[in-house]
Amino acid sequence: ALEEGIVTANQEISCPPTFRLGRRVYHD
């Protein structure tokens, strides 16, 4: 992700308890 420039080291991303992709929910 760092090498492809998708994120930078200090870039903060909001990470709630779940992540939805389509109809499926992925849990932390």
PDB file of all heavy atoms in Angstrom:
ATOM      1  N   ALA A   1       0.833  -1.211   0.000  1.00  0.00           N
ATOM      2  CA  ALA A   1       0.000   0.000   0.000  1.00  0.00           C
ATOM      3  C   ALA A   1       0.866   1.260   0.000  1.00  0.00           C
ATOM      4  O   ALA A   1       0.573   2.237  -0.703  1.00  0.00           O
ATOM      5  CB  ALA A   1      -0.928  -0.006   1.206  1.00  0.00           C
ATOM      6  N   LEU A   2       1.947   1.240   0.783  1.00  0.00           N
ATOM      7  CA  LEU A   2       2.863   2.388   0.817  1.00  0.00           C
ATOM      8  C   LEU A   2       3.573   2.555  -0.531  1.00  0.00           C
ATOM      9  O   LEU A   2       3.699   3.664  -1.048  1.00  0.00           O
ATOM     10  CB  LEU A   2       3.899   2.193   1.928  1.00  0.00           C
ATOM     11  CG  LEU A   2       3.395   2.327   3.370  1.00  0.00           C
ATOM     12  CD1 LEU A   2       4.441   1.828   4.350  1.00  0.00           C
ATOM     13  CD2 LEU A   2       3.024   3.779   3.687  1.00  0.00           C
ATOM     14  N   GLU A   3       4.026   1.440  -1.071  1.00  0.00           N
ATOM     15  CA  GLU A   3       4.780   1.477  -2.328  1.00  0.00           C
ATOM     16  C   GLU A   3       3.900   1.932  -3.493  1.00  0.00           C
ATOM     17  O   GLU A   3       4.368   2.625  -4.394  1.00  0.00           O
ATOM     18  CB  GLU A   3       5.365   0.087  -2.595  1.00  0.00           C
ATOM     19  CG  GLU A   3       6.476   0.058  -3.615  1.00  0.00           C
ATOM     20  CD  GLU A   3       7.776   0.679  -3.130  1.00  0.00           C
ATOM     21  OE1 GLU A   3       7.885   1.005  -1.920  1.00  0.00           O
ATOM     22  OE2 GLU A   3       8.685   0.862  -3.959  1.00  0.00           O
ATOM     23  N   GLU A   4       2.610   1.545  -3.471  1.00  0.00           N
ATOM     24  CA  GLU A   4       1.687   1.900  -4.554  1.00  0.00           C
ATOM     25  C   GLU A   4       1.054   3.274  -4.348  1.00  0.00           C
ATOM     26  O   GLU A   4       0.268   3.728  -5.188  1.00  0.00           O
ATOM     27  CB  GLU A   4       0.584   0.842  -4.659  1.00  0.00           C
ATOM     28  CG  GLU A   4       1.052  -0.515  -5.171  1.00  0.00           C
ATOM     29  CD  GLU A   4       1.574  -0.454  -6.592  1.00  0.00           C
ATOM     30  OE1 GLU A   4       0.865   0.089  -7.468  1.00  0.00           O
ATOM     31  OE2 GLU A   4       2.701  -0.930  -6.838  1.00  0.00           O
ATOM     32  N   GLY A   5       1.356   3.930  -3.221  1.00  0.00           N
ATOM     33  CA  GLY A   5       0.813   5.262  -2.961  1.00  0.00           C
ATOM     34  C   GLY A   5      -0.642   5.249  -2.536  1.00  0.00           C
ATOM     35  O   GLY A   5      -1.319   6.292  -2.568  1.00  0.00           O
ATOM     36  N   ILE A   6      -1.153   4.099  -2.126  1.00  0.00           N
ATOM     37  CA  ILE A   6      -2.551   4.010  -1.663  1.00  0.00           C
ATOM     38  C   ILE A   6      -2.707   4.747  -0.336  1.00  0.00           C
ATOM     39  O   ILE A   6      -3.730   5.389  -0.075  1.00  0.00           O
ATOM     40  CB  ILE A   6      -2.975   2.526  -1.537  1.00  0.00           C
ATOM     41  CG1 ILE A   6      -2.965   1.863  -2.917  1.00  0.00           C
ATOM     42  CG2 ILE A   6      -4.350   2.397  -0.886  1.00  0.00           C
ATOM     43  CD1 ILE A   6      -3.152   0.353  -2.879  1.00  0.00           C
ATOM     44  N   VAL A   7      -1.672   4.676   0.515  1.00  0.00           N
ATOM     45  CA  VAL A   7      -1.649   5.417   1.780  1.00  0.00           C
ATOM     46  C   VAL A   7      -0.246   5.985   1.958  1.00  0.00           C
ATOM     47  O   VAL A   7       0.704   5.541   1.315  1.00  0.00           O
ATOM     48  CB  VAL A   7      -1.991   4.517   2.996  1.00  0.00           C
ATOM     49  CG1 VAL A   7      -3.416   4.028   2.950  1.00  0.00           C
ATOM     50  CG2 VAL A   7      -1.014   3.343   3.107  1.00  0.00           C
ATOM     51  N   THR A   8      -0.135   6.942   2.857  1.00  0.00           N
ATOM     52  CA  THR A   8       1.173   7.399   3.317  1.00  0.00           C
ATOM     53  C   THR A   8       1.309   6.982   4.773  1.00  0.00           C
ATOM     54  O   THR A   8       0.314   6.652   5.431  1.00  0.00           O
ATOM     55  CB  THR A   8       1.327   8.919   3.188  1.00  0.00           C
ATOM     56  OG1 THR A   8       0.304   9.551   3.978  1.00  0.00           O
ATOM     57  CG2 THR A   8       1.213   9.354   1.740  1.00  0.00           C
ATOM     58  N   ALA A   9       2.523   7.014   5.282  1.00  0.00           N
ATOM     59  CA  ALA A   9       2.769   6.483   6.629  1.00  0.00           C
ATOM     60  C   ALA A   9       1.963   7.191   7.710  1.00  0.00           C
ATOM     61  O   ALA A   9       1.434   6.547   8.628  1.00  0.00           O
ATOM     62  CB  ALA A   9       4.258   6.552   6.948  1.00  0.00           C
ATOM     63  N   ASN A  10       1.833   8.499   7.606  1.00  0.00           N
ATOM     64  CA  ASN A  10       1.158   9.267   8.662  1.00  0.00           C
ATOM     65  C   ASN A  10      -0.308   9.576   8.348  1.00  0.00           C
ATOM     66  O   ASN A  10      -0.989  10.222   9.141  1.00  0.00           O
ATOM     67  CB  ASN A  10       1.914  10.565   8.918  1.00  0.00           C
ATOM     68  CG  ASN A  10       3.311  10.305   9.475  1.00  0.00           C
ATOM     69  OD1 ASN A  10       3.449   9.665  10.513  1.00  0.00           O
ATOM     70  ND2 ASN A  10       4.339  10.774   8.775  1.00  0.00           N
ATOM     71  N   GLN A  11      -0.767   9.141   7.204  1.00  0.00           N
ATOM     72  CA  GLN A  11      -2.162   9.384   6.820  1.00  0.00           C
ATOM     73  C   GLN A  11      -3.096   8.585   7.727  1.00  0.00           C
ATOM     74  O   GLN A  11      -2.946   7.370   7.879  1.00  0.00           O
ATOM     75  CB  GLN A  11      -2.358   8.957   5.363  1.00  0.00           C
ATOM     76  CG  GLN A  11      -3.793   9.107   4.857  1.00  0.00           C
ATOM     77  CD  GLN A  11      -3.938   8.543   3.445  1.00  0.00           C
ATOM     78  OE1 GLN A  11      -2.945   8.270   2.774  1.00  0.00           O
ATOM     79  NE2 GLN A  11      -5.171   8.376   3.005  1.00  0.00           N
ATOM     80  N   GLU A  12      -4.066   9.278   8.323  1.00  0.00           N
ATOM     81  CA  GLU A  12      -4.989   8.613   9.237  1.00  0.00           C
ATOM     82  C   GLU A  12      -6.287   8.265   8.514  1.00  0.00           C
ATOM     83  O   GLU A  12      -6.848   9.078   7.783  1.00  0.00           O
ATOM     84  CB  GLU A  12      -5.278   9.498  10.447  1.00  0.00           C
ATOM     85  CG  GLU A  12      -4.062   9.673  11.351  1.00  0.00           C
ATOM     86  CD  GLU A  12      -4.387  10.426  12.628  1.00  0.00           C
ATOM     87  OE1 GLU A  12      -5.216  11.352  12.575  1.00  0.00           O
ATOM     88  OE2 GLU A  12      -3.812  10.079  13.675  1.00  0.00           O
ATOM     89  N   ILE A  13      -6.735   7.050   8.752  1.00  0.00           N
ATOM     90  CA  ILE A  13      -7.970   6.552   8.145  1.00  0.00           C
ATOM     91  C   ILE A  13      -8.923   6.161   9.264  1.00  0.00           C
ATOM     92  O   ILE A  13      -8.520   5.534  10.251  1.00  0.00           O
ATOM     93  CB  ILE A  13      -7.685   5.321   7.255  1.00  0.00           C
ATOM     94  CG1 ILE A  13      -6.760   5.716   6.093  1.00  0.00           C
ATOM     95  CG2 ILE A  13      -8.966   4.708   6.720  1.00  0.00           C
ATOM     96  CD1 ILE A  13      -6.286   4.532   5.263  1.00  0.00           C
ATOM     97  N   SER A  14     -10.181   6.524   9.123  1.00  0.00           N
ATOM     98  CA  SER A  14     -11.187   6.173  10.135  1.00  0.00           C
ATOM     99  C   SER A  14     -11.455   4.670  10.087  1.00  0.00           C
ATOM    100  O   SER A  14     -11.751   4.108   9.032  1.00  0.00           O
ATOM    101  CB  SER A  14     -12.484   6.938   9.874  1.00  0.00           C
ATOM    102  OG  SER A  14     -13.480   6.524  10.786  1.00  0.00           O
ATOM    103  N   CYS A  15     -11.351   4.027  11.237  1.00  0.00           N
ATOM    104  CA  CYS A  15     -11.526   2.573  11.308  1.00  0.00           C
ATOM    105  C   CYS A  15     -12.596   2.208  12.345  1.00  0.00           C
ATOM    106  O   CYS A  15     -12.291   1.943  13.525  1.00  0.00           O
ATOM    107  CB  CYS A  15     -10.200   1.899  11.652  1.00  0.00           C
ATOM    108  SG  CYS A  15      -8.944   2.105  10.377  1.00  0.00           S
ATOM    109  N   PRO A  16     -13.869   2.176  11.924  1.00  0.00           N
ATOM    110  CA  PRO A  16     -14.963   1.777  12.825  1.00  0.00           C
ATOM    111  C   PRO A  16     -14.927   0.260  13.075  1.00  0.00           C
ATOM    112  O   PRO A  16     -14.069  -0.440  12.537  1.00  0.00           O
ATOM    113  CB  PRO A  16     -16.202   2.200  12.042  1.00  0.00           C
ATOM    114  CG  PRO A  16     -15.779   2.144  10.604  1.00  0.00           C
ATOM    115  CD  PRO A  16     -14.339   2.532  10.584  1.00  0.00           C
ATOM    116  N   PRO A  17     -15.885  -0.257  13.837  1.00  0.00           N
ATOM    117  CA  PRO A  17     -15.876  -1.689  14.168  1.00  0.00           C
ATOM    118  C   PRO A  17     -16.140  -2.617  12.983  1.00  0.00           C
ATOM    119  O   PRO A  17     -15.782  -3.797  13.032  1.00  0.00           O
ATOM    120  CB  PRO A  17     -16.991  -1.826  15.205  1.00  0.00           C
ATOM    121  CG  PRO A  17     -17.245  -0.446  15.701  1.00  0.00           C
ATOM    122  CD  PRO A  17     -16.919   0.467  14.580  1.00  0.00           C
ATOM    123  N   THR A  18     -16.789  -2.083  11.928  1.00  0.00           N
ATOM    124  CA  THR A  18     -17.146  -2.941  10.795  1.00  0.00           C
ATOM    125  C   THR A  18     -16.814  -2.262   9.469  1.00  0.00           C
ATOM    126  O   THR A  18     -16.621  -1.050   9.401  1.00  0.00           O
ATOM    127  CB  THR A  18     -18.642  -3.293  10.804  1.00  0.00           C
ATOM    128  OG1 THR A  18     -19.404  -2.076  10.705  1.00  0.00           O
ATOM    129  CG2 THR A  18     -19.038  -4.059  12.051  1.00  0.00           C
ATOM    130  N   PHE A  19     -16.790  -3.104   8.434  1.00  0.00           N
ATOM    131  CA  PHE A  19     -16.566  -2.612   7.078  1.00  0.00           C
ATOM    132  C   PHE A  19     -17.515  -3.373   6.149  1.00  0.00           C
ATOM    133  O   PHE A  19     -17.604  -4.606   6.221  1.00  0.00           O
ATOM    134  CB  PHE A  19     -15.104  -2.857   6.669  1.00  0.00           C
ATOM    135  CG  PHE A  19     -14.832  -2.617   5.212  1.00  0.00           C
ATOM    136  CD1 PHE A  19     -14.673  -1.334   4.723  1.00  0.00           C
ATOM    137  CD2 PHE A  19     -14.749  -3.688   4.320  1.00  0.00           C
ATOM    138  CE1 PHE A  19     -14.413  -1.117   3.378  1.00  0.00           C
ATOM    139  CE2 PHE A  19     -14.494  -3.477   2.976  1.00  0.00           C
ATOM    140  CZ  PHE A  19     -14.327  -2.187   2.502  1.00  0.00           C
ATOM    141  N   ARG A  20     -18.235  -2.617   5.323  1.00  0.00           N
ATOM    142  CA  ARG A  20     -19.199  -3.262   4.432  1.00  0.00           C
ATOM    143  C   ARG A  20     -18.697  -3.239   2.993  1.00  0.00           C
ATOM    144  O   ARG A  20     -18.233  -2.222   2.490  1.00  0.00           O
ATOM    145  CB  ARG A  20     -20.560  -2.557   4.512  1.00  0.00           C
ATOM    146  CG  ARG A  20     -21.638  -3.178   3.607  1.00  0.00           C
ATOM    147  CD  ARG A  20     -22.940  -2.425   3.732  1.00  0.00           C
ATOM    148  NE  ARG A  20     -23.560  -2.636   5.022  1.00  0.00           N
ATOM    149  CZ  ARG A  20     -24.337  -3.690   5.325  1.00  0.00           C
ATOM    150  NH1 ARG A  20     -24.576  -4.619   4.407  1.00  0.00           N
ATOM    151  NH2 ARG A  20     -24.884  -3.795   6.511  1.00  0.00           N
ATOM    152  N   LEU A  21     -18.796  -4.397   2.331  1.00  0.00           N
ATOM    153  CA  LEU A  21     -18.502  -4.500   0.909  1.00  0.00           C
ATOM    154  C   LEU A  21     -19.657  -5.263   0.273  1.00  0.00           C
ATOM    155  O   LEU A  21     -19.830  -6.464   0.527  1.00  0.00           O
ATOM    156  CB  LEU A  21     -17.179  -5.239   0.666  1.00  0.00           C
ATOM    157  CG  LEU A  21     -16.756  -5.356  -0.800  1.00  0.00           C
ATOM    158  CD1 LEU A  21     -16.401  -3.988  -1.383  1.00  0.00           C
ATOM    159  CD2 LEU A  21     -15.563  -6.308  -0.945  1.00  0.00           C
ATOM    160  N   GLY A  22     -20.437  -4.542  -0.527  1.00  0.00           N
ATOM    161  CA  GLY A  22     -21.641  -5.164  -1.075  1.00  0.00           C
ATOM    162  C   GLY A  22     -22.598  -5.498   0.054  1.00  0.00           C
ATOM    163  O   GLY A  22     -22.888  -4.664   0.905  1.00  0.00           O
ATOM    164  N   ARG A  23     -23.069  -6.724   0.084  1.00  0.00           N
ATOM    165  CA  ARG A  23     -24.006  -7.135   1.141  1.00  0.00           C
ATOM    166  C   ARG A  23     -23.311  -7.756   2.349  1.00  0.00           C
ATOM    167  O   ARG A  23     -23.962  -8.101   3.325  1.00  0.00           O
ATOM    168  CB  ARG A  23     -25.008  -8.137   0.567  1.00  0.00           C
ATOM    169  CG  ARG A  23     -26.002  -7.512  -0.415  1.00  0.00           C
ATOM    170  CD  ARG A  23     -26.973  -8.526  -0.960  1.00  0.00           C
ATOM    171  NE  ARG A  23     -26.302  -9.548  -1.767  1.00  0.00           N
ATOM    172  CZ  ARG A  23     -26.920 -10.611  -2.299  1.00  0.00           C
ATOM    173  NH1 ARG A  23     -28.198 -10.797  -2.085  1.00  0.00           N
ATOM    174  NH2 ARG A  23     -26.250 -11.470  -3.032  1.00  0.00           N
ATOM    175  N   ARG A  24     -22.000  -7.894   2.257  1.00  0.00           N
ATOM    176  CA  ARG A  24     -21.287  -8.562   3.352  1.00  0.00           C
ATOM    177  C   ARG A  24     -20.660  -7.552   4.300  1.00  0.00           C
ATOM    178  O   ARG A  24     -20.109  -6.525   3.877  1.00  0.00           O
ATOM    179  CB  ARG A  24     -20.201  -9.482   2.795  1.00  0.00           C
ATOM    180  CG  ARG A  24     -19.479 -10.235   3.898  1.00  0.00           C
ATOM    181  CD  ARG A  24     -18.604 -11.341   3.387  1.00  0.00           C
ATOM    182  NE  ARG A  24     -17.884 -11.963   4.485  1.00  0.00           N
ATOM    183  CZ  ARG A  24     -17.016 -12.941   4.337  1.00  0.00           C
ATOM    184  NH1 ARG A  24     -16.777 -13.448   3.140  1.00  0.00           N
ATOM    185  NH2 ARG A  24     -16.391 -13.449   5.387  1.00  0.00           N
ATOM    186  N   VAL A  25     -20.749  -7.856   5.589  1.00  0.00           N
ATOM    187  CA  VAL A  25     -20.152  -7.016   6.626  1.00  0.00           C
ATOM    188  C   VAL A  25     -18.937  -7.744   7.205  1.00  0.00           C
ATOM    189  O   VAL A  25     -19.029  -8.892   7.637  1.00  0.00           O
ATOM    190  CB  VAL A  25     -21.166  -6.704   7.751  1.00  0.00           C
ATOM    191  CG1 VAL A  25     -20.484  -5.910   8.868  1.00  0.00           C
ATOM    192  CG2 VAL A  25     -22.352  -5.920   7.196  1.00  0.00           C
ATOM    193  N   TYR A  26     -17.783  -7.050   7.219  1.00  0.00           N
ATOM    194  CA  TYR A  26     -16.544  -7.600   7.780  1.00  0.00           C
ATOM    195  C   TYR A  26     -16.292  -6.932   9.129  1.00  0.00           C
ATOM    196  O   TYR A  26     -16.344  -5.711   9.248  1.00  0.00           O
ATOM    197  CB  TYR A  26     -15.367  -7.342   6.845  1.00  0.00           C
ATOM    198  CG  TYR A  26     -15.480  -8.053   5.511  1.00  0.00           C
ATOM    199  CD1 TYR A  26     -16.211  -7.492   4.458  1.00  0.00           C
ATOM    200  CD2 TYR A  26     -14.856  -9.279   5.303  1.00  0.00           C
ATOM    201  CE1 TYR A  26     -16.311  -8.142   3.238  1.00  0.00           C
ATOM    202  CE2 TYR A  26     -14.952  -9.933   4.074  1.00  0.00           C
ATOM    203  CZ  TYR A  26     -15.680  -9.357   3.054  1.00  0.00           C
ATOM    204  OH  TYR A  26     -15.783  -9.993   1.846  1.00  0.00           O
ATOM    205  N   HIS A  27     -16.008  -7.721  10.133  1.00  0.00           N
ATOM    206  CA  HIS A  27     -15.818  -7.212  11.492  1.00  0.00           C
ATOM    207  C   HIS A  27     -14.342  -7.057  11.832  1.00  0.00           C
ATOM    208  O   HIS A  27     -13.510  -7.869  11.435  1.00  0.00           O
ATOM    209  CB  HIS A  27     -16.455  -8.160  12.517  1.00  0.00           C
ATOM    210  CG  HIS A  27     -17.945  -8.239  12.402  1.00  0.00           C
ATOM    211  ND1 HIS A  27     -18.800  -7.390  13.068  1.00  0.00           N
ATOM    212  CD2 HIS A  27     -18.739  -9.072  11.666  1.00  0.00           C
ATOM    213  CE1 HIS A  27     -20.054  -7.689  12.775  1.00  0.00           C
ATOM    214  NE2 HIS A  27     -20.038  -8.712  11.916  1.00  0.00           N
ATOM    215  N   ASP A  28     -14.038  -6.011  12.575  1.00  0.00           N
ATOM    216  CA  ASP A  28     -12.712  -5.876  13.162  1.00  0.00           C
ATOM    217  C   ASP A  28     -12.638  -6.786  14.381  1.00  0.00           C
ATOM    218  O   ASP A  28     -13.670  -7.147  14.970  1.00  0.00           O
ATOM    219  CB  ASP A  28     -12.465  -4.417  13.577  1.00  0.00           C
ATOM    220  CG  ASP A  28     -10.999  -4.138  13.852  1.00  0.00           C
ATOM    221  OD1 ASP A  28     -10.517  -4.482  14.953  1.00  0.00           O
ATOM    222  OD2 ASP A  28     -10.319  -3.597  12.963  1.00  0.00           O
TER     223      ASP A  28
END
